[in-house]
């Protein structure tokens, strides 16, 4: 009886591991609109309220930045995706690590204070 219980527990762990494994990211999965979010624990207001990034399927991006005290600016360019364990998106020459969290794609800007672009639903 004890062996059956151990086998059942082991099977649950294996099944749970298989269900939570996420498929590898693809370039097509990254196409879409992203908004700026800040996880700064001090809760400071930022000049990024209007920031929005669009990654288009044709390999171009559009980045709009600005806020209440910062002039609105718009930049366009070329983006590339590098997959694997250390997935990364490059906007022209600036690279941003890609993270999946709770089914949301995030392009990390600064891991130290938790600022990222999160794919808008």
N, C-alpha and C. Protein backbone atom coordinates (compact mmCIF):
# COMPACT_ATOMS: atom_id res chain seq x y z
N UNK A 1 0.83 -1.19 0.00
CA UNK A 1 0.00 0.00 0.00
C UNK A 1 0.87 1.26 0.00
N UNK A 2 1.95 1.23 0.78
CA UNK A 2 2.84 2.38 0.87
C UNK A 2 3.53 2.64 -0.49
N UNK A 3 3.91 1.59 -1.18
CA UNK A 3 4.54 1.72 -2.49
C UNK A 3 3.57 2.35 -3.48
N UNK A 4 2.31 1.97 -3.44
CA UNK A 4 1.31 2.55 -4.35
C UNK A 4 1.16 4.05 -4.09
N UNK A 5 1.17 4.43 -2.84
CA UNK A 5 1.05 5.84 -2.49
C UNK A 5 2.26 6.62 -3.02
N UNK A 6 3.45 6.06 -2.88
CA UNK A 6 4.65 6.73 -3.37
C UNK A 6 4.61 6.85 -4.90
N UNK A 7 4.17 5.81 -5.57
CA UNK A 7 4.06 5.85 -7.03
C UNK A 7 3.02 6.89 -7.46
N UNK A 8 1.92 6.96 -6.75
CA UNK A 8 0.87 7.94 -7.07
C UNK A 8 1.39 9.37 -6.88
N UNK A 9 2.13 9.61 -5.80
CA UNK A 9 2.69 10.94 -5.55
C UNK A 9 3.71 11.29 -6.63
N UNK A 10 4.55 10.34 -6.99
CA UNK A 10 5.54 10.55 -8.03
C UNK A 10 4.85 10.87 -9.36
N UNK A 11 3.80 10.16 -9.68
CA UNK A 11 3.06 10.40 -10.92
C UNK A 11 2.45 11.81 -10.92
N UNK A 12 1.97 12.27 -9.77
CA UNK A 12 1.41 13.63 -9.68
C UNK A 12 2.48 14.68 -9.93
N UNK A 13 3.67 14.48 -9.36
CA UNK A 13 4.78 15.42 -9.58
C UNK A 13 5.17 15.47 -11.06
N UNK A 14 5.26 14.32 -11.68
CA UNK A 14 5.63 14.26 -13.09
C UNK A 14 4.56 14.93 -13.94
N UNK A 15 3.30 14.64 -13.67
CA UNK A 15 2.20 15.22 -14.42
C UNK A 15 2.16 16.73 -14.23
N UNK A 16 2.35 17.20 -13.03
CA UNK A 16 2.35 18.64 -12.76
C UNK A 16 3.50 19.31 -13.49
N UNK A 17 4.65 18.67 -13.54
CA UNK A 17 5.80 19.23 -14.27
C UNK A 17 5.52 19.32 -15.75
N UNK A 18 4.85 18.35 -16.31
CA UNK A 18 4.54 18.37 -17.73
C UNK A 18 3.51 19.45 -18.07
N UNK A 19 2.58 19.67 -17.18
CA UNK A 19 1.52 20.64 -17.44
C UNK A 19 2.00 22.08 -17.31
N UNK A 20 3.00 22.33 -16.49
CA UNK A 20 3.45 23.70 -16.28
C UNK A 20 4.58 24.09 -17.23
N UNK A 21 5.11 23.18 -17.97
CA UNK A 21 6.17 23.50 -18.91
C UNK A 21 5.60 24.31 -20.06
N UNK A 22 6.22 25.46 -20.32
CA UNK A 22 5.73 26.31 -21.39
C UNK A 22 6.48 26.01 -22.68
N UNK A 23 5.78 26.08 -23.79
CA UNK A 23 6.47 25.84 -25.06
C UNK A 23 7.48 26.96 -25.30
N UNK A 24 8.51 26.69 -26.10
CA UNK A 24 9.50 27.73 -26.37
C UNK A 24 8.85 28.91 -27.11
N UNK A 25 9.35 30.09 -26.82
CA UNK A 25 8.83 31.28 -27.48
C UNK A 25 9.22 31.30 -28.95
N UNK A 26 8.35 31.84 -29.75
CA UNK A 26 8.64 32.01 -31.17
C UNK A 26 8.55 33.50 -31.51
N UNK A 27 9.11 33.85 -32.63
CA UNK A 27 9.07 35.24 -33.08
C UNK A 27 7.63 35.69 -33.27
N UNK A 28 6.80 34.83 -33.84
CA UNK A 28 5.40 35.18 -34.08
C UNK A 28 4.64 35.46 -32.79
N UNK A 29 5.00 34.78 -31.71
CA UNK A 29 4.32 35.00 -30.43
C UNK A 29 4.61 36.39 -29.86
N UNK A 30 5.71 37.00 -30.28
CA UNK A 30 6.09 38.31 -29.77
C UNK A 30 5.42 39.47 -30.49
N UNK A 31 4.89 39.22 -31.66
CA UNK A 31 4.24 40.27 -32.44
C UNK A 31 3.03 40.78 -31.67
N UNK A 32 2.94 42.11 -31.53
CA UNK A 32 1.79 42.69 -30.85
C UNK A 32 2.13 44.00 -30.17
N UNK A 33 1.19 44.47 -29.35
CA UNK A 33 1.34 45.73 -28.64
C UNK A 33 1.77 45.50 -27.20
N UNK A 34 2.66 46.34 -26.72
CA UNK A 34 3.18 46.26 -25.37
C UNK A 34 3.00 47.62 -24.70
N UNK A 35 2.74 47.60 -23.40
CA UNK A 35 2.64 48.83 -22.62
C UNK A 35 3.68 48.81 -21.53
N UNK A 36 4.08 49.97 -21.08
CA UNK A 36 5.09 50.10 -20.04
C UNK A 36 4.44 49.91 -18.68
N UNK A 37 5.07 49.12 -17.83
CA UNK A 37 4.63 48.93 -16.45
C UNK A 37 5.84 49.05 -15.55
N UNK A 38 5.66 49.65 -14.40
CA UNK A 38 6.75 49.77 -13.44
C UNK A 38 6.39 49.02 -12.17
N UNK A 39 7.33 48.27 -11.65
CA UNK A 39 7.17 47.57 -10.39
C UNK A 39 8.07 48.19 -9.33
N UNK A 40 8.34 49.48 -9.45
CA UNK A 40 9.18 50.18 -8.48
C UNK A 40 8.47 50.16 -7.13
N UNK A 41 9.12 49.57 -6.09
CA UNK A 41 8.46 49.46 -4.78
C UNK A 41 8.18 50.81 -4.14
N UNK A 42 8.84 51.87 -4.57
CA UNK A 42 8.60 53.18 -3.99
C UNK A 42 7.38 53.84 -4.60
N UNK A 43 6.84 53.28 -5.65
CA UNK A 43 5.61 53.78 -6.26
C UNK A 43 5.73 55.19 -6.83
N UNK A 44 6.90 55.56 -7.28
CA UNK A 44 7.11 56.89 -7.86
C UNK A 44 6.35 57.00 -9.18
N UNK A 45 5.84 58.20 -9.45
CA UNK A 45 5.24 58.40 -10.76
C UNK A 45 6.36 58.50 -11.78
N UNK A 46 6.07 58.12 -12.99
CA UNK A 46 7.10 58.11 -14.03
C UNK A 46 6.65 58.94 -15.22
N UNK A 47 7.57 59.21 -16.10
CA UNK A 47 7.27 59.90 -17.35
C UNK A 47 7.02 58.91 -18.47
N UNK A 48 6.54 57.73 -18.12
CA UNK A 48 6.34 56.69 -19.12
C UNK A 48 4.88 56.29 -19.26
N UNK A 49 3.98 57.16 -18.81
CA UNK A 49 2.57 56.81 -18.83
C UNK A 49 2.04 56.53 -20.22
N UNK A 50 2.62 57.18 -21.23
CA UNK A 50 2.13 57.01 -22.60
C UNK A 50 2.96 56.03 -23.39
N UNK A 51 3.95 55.41 -22.77
CA UNK A 51 4.84 54.52 -23.51
C UNK A 51 4.09 53.32 -24.07
N UNK A 52 4.32 53.06 -25.33
CA UNK A 52 3.74 51.89 -25.98
C UNK A 52 4.71 51.41 -27.05
N UNK A 53 4.89 50.10 -27.11
CA UNK A 53 5.76 49.48 -28.09
C UNK A 53 4.93 48.54 -28.94
N UNK A 54 5.09 48.62 -30.25
CA UNK A 54 4.42 47.70 -31.16
C UNK A 54 5.48 46.96 -31.96
N UNK A 55 5.47 45.63 -31.86
CA UNK A 55 6.35 44.77 -32.67
C UNK A 55 5.50 44.23 -33.81
N UNK A 56 5.87 44.57 -35.02
CA UNK A 56 5.09 44.16 -36.18
C UNK A 56 5.67 42.89 -36.80
N UNK A 57 4.84 42.14 -37.50
CA UNK A 57 5.24 40.88 -38.12
C UNK A 57 6.28 41.09 -39.23
N UNK A 58 6.33 42.29 -39.81
CA UNK A 58 7.28 42.54 -40.89
C UNK A 58 8.68 42.89 -40.37
N UNK A 59 8.90 42.79 -39.04
CA UNK A 59 10.22 43.04 -38.47
C UNK A 59 10.48 44.49 -38.09
N UNK A 60 9.47 45.32 -38.18
CA UNK A 60 9.60 46.74 -37.79
C UNK A 60 8.94 46.93 -36.42
N UNK A 61 9.41 47.96 -35.71
CA UNK A 61 8.77 48.31 -34.44
C UNK A 61 8.46 49.79 -34.42
N UNK A 62 7.51 50.15 -33.56
CA UNK A 62 7.14 51.54 -33.34
C UNK A 62 7.12 51.75 -31.82
N UNK A 63 7.88 52.72 -31.34
CA UNK A 63 7.97 53.00 -29.91
C UNK A 63 7.54 54.44 -29.67
N UNK A 64 6.47 54.61 -28.88
CA UNK A 64 5.99 55.93 -28.49
C UNK A 64 6.32 56.08 -27.02
N UNK A 65 6.95 57.21 -26.66
CA UNK A 65 7.32 57.46 -25.27
C UNK A 65 6.87 58.85 -24.86
N UNK A 66 6.67 59.01 -23.56
CA UNK A 66 6.32 60.32 -23.03
C UNK A 66 5.52 60.20 -21.75
N UNK A 67 5.21 61.34 -21.18
CA UNK A 67 4.45 61.40 -19.94
C UNK A 67 4.09 62.84 -19.65
N UNK A 68 3.51 63.06 -18.47
CA UNK A 68 3.05 64.41 -18.14
C UNK A 68 4.16 65.47 -18.16
N UNK A 69 5.38 65.09 -17.81
CA UNK A 69 6.47 66.06 -17.79
C UNK A 69 7.53 65.78 -18.84
N UNK A 70 7.25 64.85 -19.74
CA UNK A 70 8.20 64.49 -20.78
C UNK A 70 7.50 64.59 -22.12
N UNK A 71 8.13 65.25 -23.07
CA UNK A 71 7.53 65.39 -24.39
C UNK A 71 7.32 64.02 -25.05
N UNK A 72 6.25 63.93 -25.80
CA UNK A 72 5.96 62.69 -26.53
C UNK A 72 6.92 62.56 -27.70
N UNK A 73 7.50 61.37 -27.85
CA UNK A 73 8.39 61.11 -28.97
C UNK A 73 8.02 59.76 -29.59
N UNK A 74 8.37 59.61 -30.85
CA UNK A 74 8.07 58.36 -31.56
C UNK A 74 9.31 57.92 -32.31
N UNK A 75 9.60 56.61 -32.23
CA UNK A 75 10.76 56.05 -32.90
C UNK A 75 10.33 54.78 -33.62
N UNK A 76 10.85 54.59 -34.82
CA UNK A 76 10.61 53.35 -35.56
C UNK A 76 11.96 52.73 -35.90
N UNK A 77 11.94 51.44 -36.10
CA UNK A 77 13.17 50.75 -36.43
C UNK A 77 12.92 49.28 -36.72
N UNK A 78 13.97 48.49 -36.63
CA UNK A 78 13.93 47.06 -36.93
C UNK A 78 14.12 46.29 -35.64
N UNK A 79 13.33 45.21 -35.46
CA UNK A 79 13.50 44.35 -34.29
C UNK A 79 13.82 42.93 -34.74
N UNK A 80 14.57 42.23 -33.86
CA UNK A 80 14.94 40.84 -34.11
C UNK A 80 14.73 40.05 -32.83
N UNK A 81 14.47 38.76 -32.99
CA UNK A 81 14.28 37.86 -31.86
C UNK A 81 15.36 36.79 -31.88
N UNK A 82 15.99 36.58 -30.73
CA UNK A 82 16.97 35.52 -30.55
C UNK A 82 16.42 34.58 -29.48
N UNK A 83 16.05 33.36 -29.88
CA UNK A 83 15.44 32.40 -28.97
C UNK A 83 16.45 31.61 -28.17
N UNK A 84 15.94 30.62 -27.45
CA UNK A 84 16.78 29.76 -26.62
C UNK A 84 16.56 30.05 -25.15
N UNK A 85 17.48 29.55 -24.32
CA UNK A 85 17.35 29.74 -22.87
C UNK A 85 17.42 31.20 -22.47
N UNK A 86 18.21 31.98 -23.19
CA UNK A 86 18.34 33.41 -22.89
C UNK A 86 17.69 34.22 -24.02
N UNK A 87 16.39 34.02 -24.21
CA UNK A 87 15.68 34.70 -25.29
C UNK A 87 15.82 36.21 -25.14
N UNK A 88 15.95 36.87 -26.29
CA UNK A 88 16.15 38.31 -26.27
C UNK A 88 15.53 38.94 -27.51
N UNK A 89 15.00 40.15 -27.33
CA UNK A 89 14.51 40.96 -28.45
C UNK A 89 15.44 42.15 -28.57
N UNK A 90 15.89 42.41 -29.79
CA UNK A 90 16.73 43.58 -30.06
C UNK A 90 15.91 44.60 -30.84
N UNK A 91 15.85 45.82 -30.31
CA UNK A 91 15.27 46.95 -31.04
C UNK A 91 16.46 47.73 -31.57
N UNK A 92 16.66 47.65 -32.86
CA UNK A 92 17.88 48.16 -33.48
C UNK A 92 19.06 47.49 -32.79
N UNK A 93 19.79 48.19 -31.93
CA UNK A 93 20.95 47.58 -31.27
C UNK A 93 20.76 47.39 -29.77
N UNK A 94 19.64 47.80 -29.21
CA UNK A 94 19.38 47.64 -27.78
C UNK A 94 18.68 46.31 -27.54
N UNK A 95 19.22 45.49 -26.62
CA UNK A 95 18.66 44.17 -26.35
C UNK A 95 17.87 44.13 -25.06
N UNK A 96 16.77 43.38 -25.08
CA UNK A 96 15.91 43.22 -23.91
C UNK A 96 15.61 41.74 -23.71
N UNK A 97 15.95 41.18 -22.53
CA UNK A 97 15.61 39.78 -22.25
C UNK A 97 14.10 39.58 -22.27
N UNK A 98 13.68 38.41 -22.73
CA UNK A 98 12.26 38.07 -22.80
C UNK A 98 11.95 37.11 -21.66
N UNK A 99 10.88 37.37 -20.93
CA UNK A 99 10.43 36.51 -19.84
C UNK A 99 8.95 36.20 -20.03
N UNK A 100 8.56 34.98 -19.67
CA UNK A 100 7.15 34.60 -19.62
C UNK A 100 6.76 34.51 -18.16
N UNK A 101 5.68 35.18 -17.79
CA UNK A 101 5.20 35.12 -16.41
C UNK A 101 3.68 35.14 -16.44
N UNK A 102 3.09 34.10 -15.90
CA UNK A 102 1.64 33.96 -15.86
C UNK A 102 1.00 34.16 -17.23
N UNK A 103 1.62 33.56 -18.25
CA UNK A 103 1.07 33.62 -19.60
C UNK A 103 1.25 34.96 -20.30
N UNK A 104 2.02 35.85 -19.71
CA UNK A 104 2.24 37.18 -20.27
C UNK A 104 3.69 37.29 -20.75
N UNK A 105 3.89 37.83 -21.93
CA UNK A 105 5.24 38.01 -22.47
C UNK A 105 5.76 39.36 -22.01
N UNK A 106 6.97 39.36 -21.43
CA UNK A 106 7.56 40.60 -20.92
C UNK A 106 8.93 40.81 -21.53
N UNK A 107 9.16 42.01 -21.98
CA UNK A 107 10.47 42.42 -22.46
C UNK A 107 11.09 43.25 -21.34
N UNK A 108 12.07 42.68 -20.68
CA UNK A 108 12.64 43.30 -19.49
C UNK A 108 13.51 44.49 -19.86
N UNK A 109 13.27 45.60 -19.19
CA UNK A 109 14.09 46.78 -19.39
C UNK A 109 15.17 46.83 -18.32
N UNK A 110 14.78 46.59 -17.07
CA UNK A 110 15.73 46.64 -15.96
C UNK A 110 15.28 45.65 -14.90
N UNK A 111 16.00 44.51 -14.76
CA UNK A 111 15.63 43.48 -13.80
C UNK A 111 15.72 43.97 -12.36
N UNK A 112 16.62 44.93 -12.07
CA UNK A 112 16.84 45.36 -10.70
C UNK A 112 15.62 46.02 -10.07
N UNK A 113 14.91 46.83 -10.83
CA UNK A 113 13.73 47.47 -10.25
C UNK A 113 12.43 46.98 -10.89
N UNK A 114 12.55 45.94 -11.69
CA UNK A 114 11.36 45.27 -12.22
C UNK A 114 10.55 46.10 -13.18
N UNK A 115 11.21 46.75 -14.11
CA UNK A 115 10.48 47.52 -15.12
C UNK A 115 10.50 46.72 -16.41
N UNK A 116 9.36 46.61 -17.09
CA UNK A 116 9.28 45.83 -18.30
C UNK A 116 8.20 46.36 -19.22
N UNK A 117 8.24 45.92 -20.46
CA UNK A 117 7.11 46.07 -21.36
C UNK A 117 6.35 44.77 -21.28
N UNK A 118 5.07 44.85 -21.08
CA UNK A 118 4.26 43.64 -20.97
C UNK A 118 3.29 43.62 -22.15
N UNK A 119 3.16 42.46 -22.75
CA UNK A 119 2.28 42.35 -23.91
C UNK A 119 0.86 42.65 -23.50
N UNK A 120 0.25 43.60 -24.14
CA UNK A 120 -1.12 43.98 -23.85
C UNK A 120 -2.07 42.92 -24.38
N UNK A 121 -3.07 42.60 -23.63
CA UNK A 121 -4.06 41.60 -24.03
C UNK A 121 -5.09 42.20 -24.94
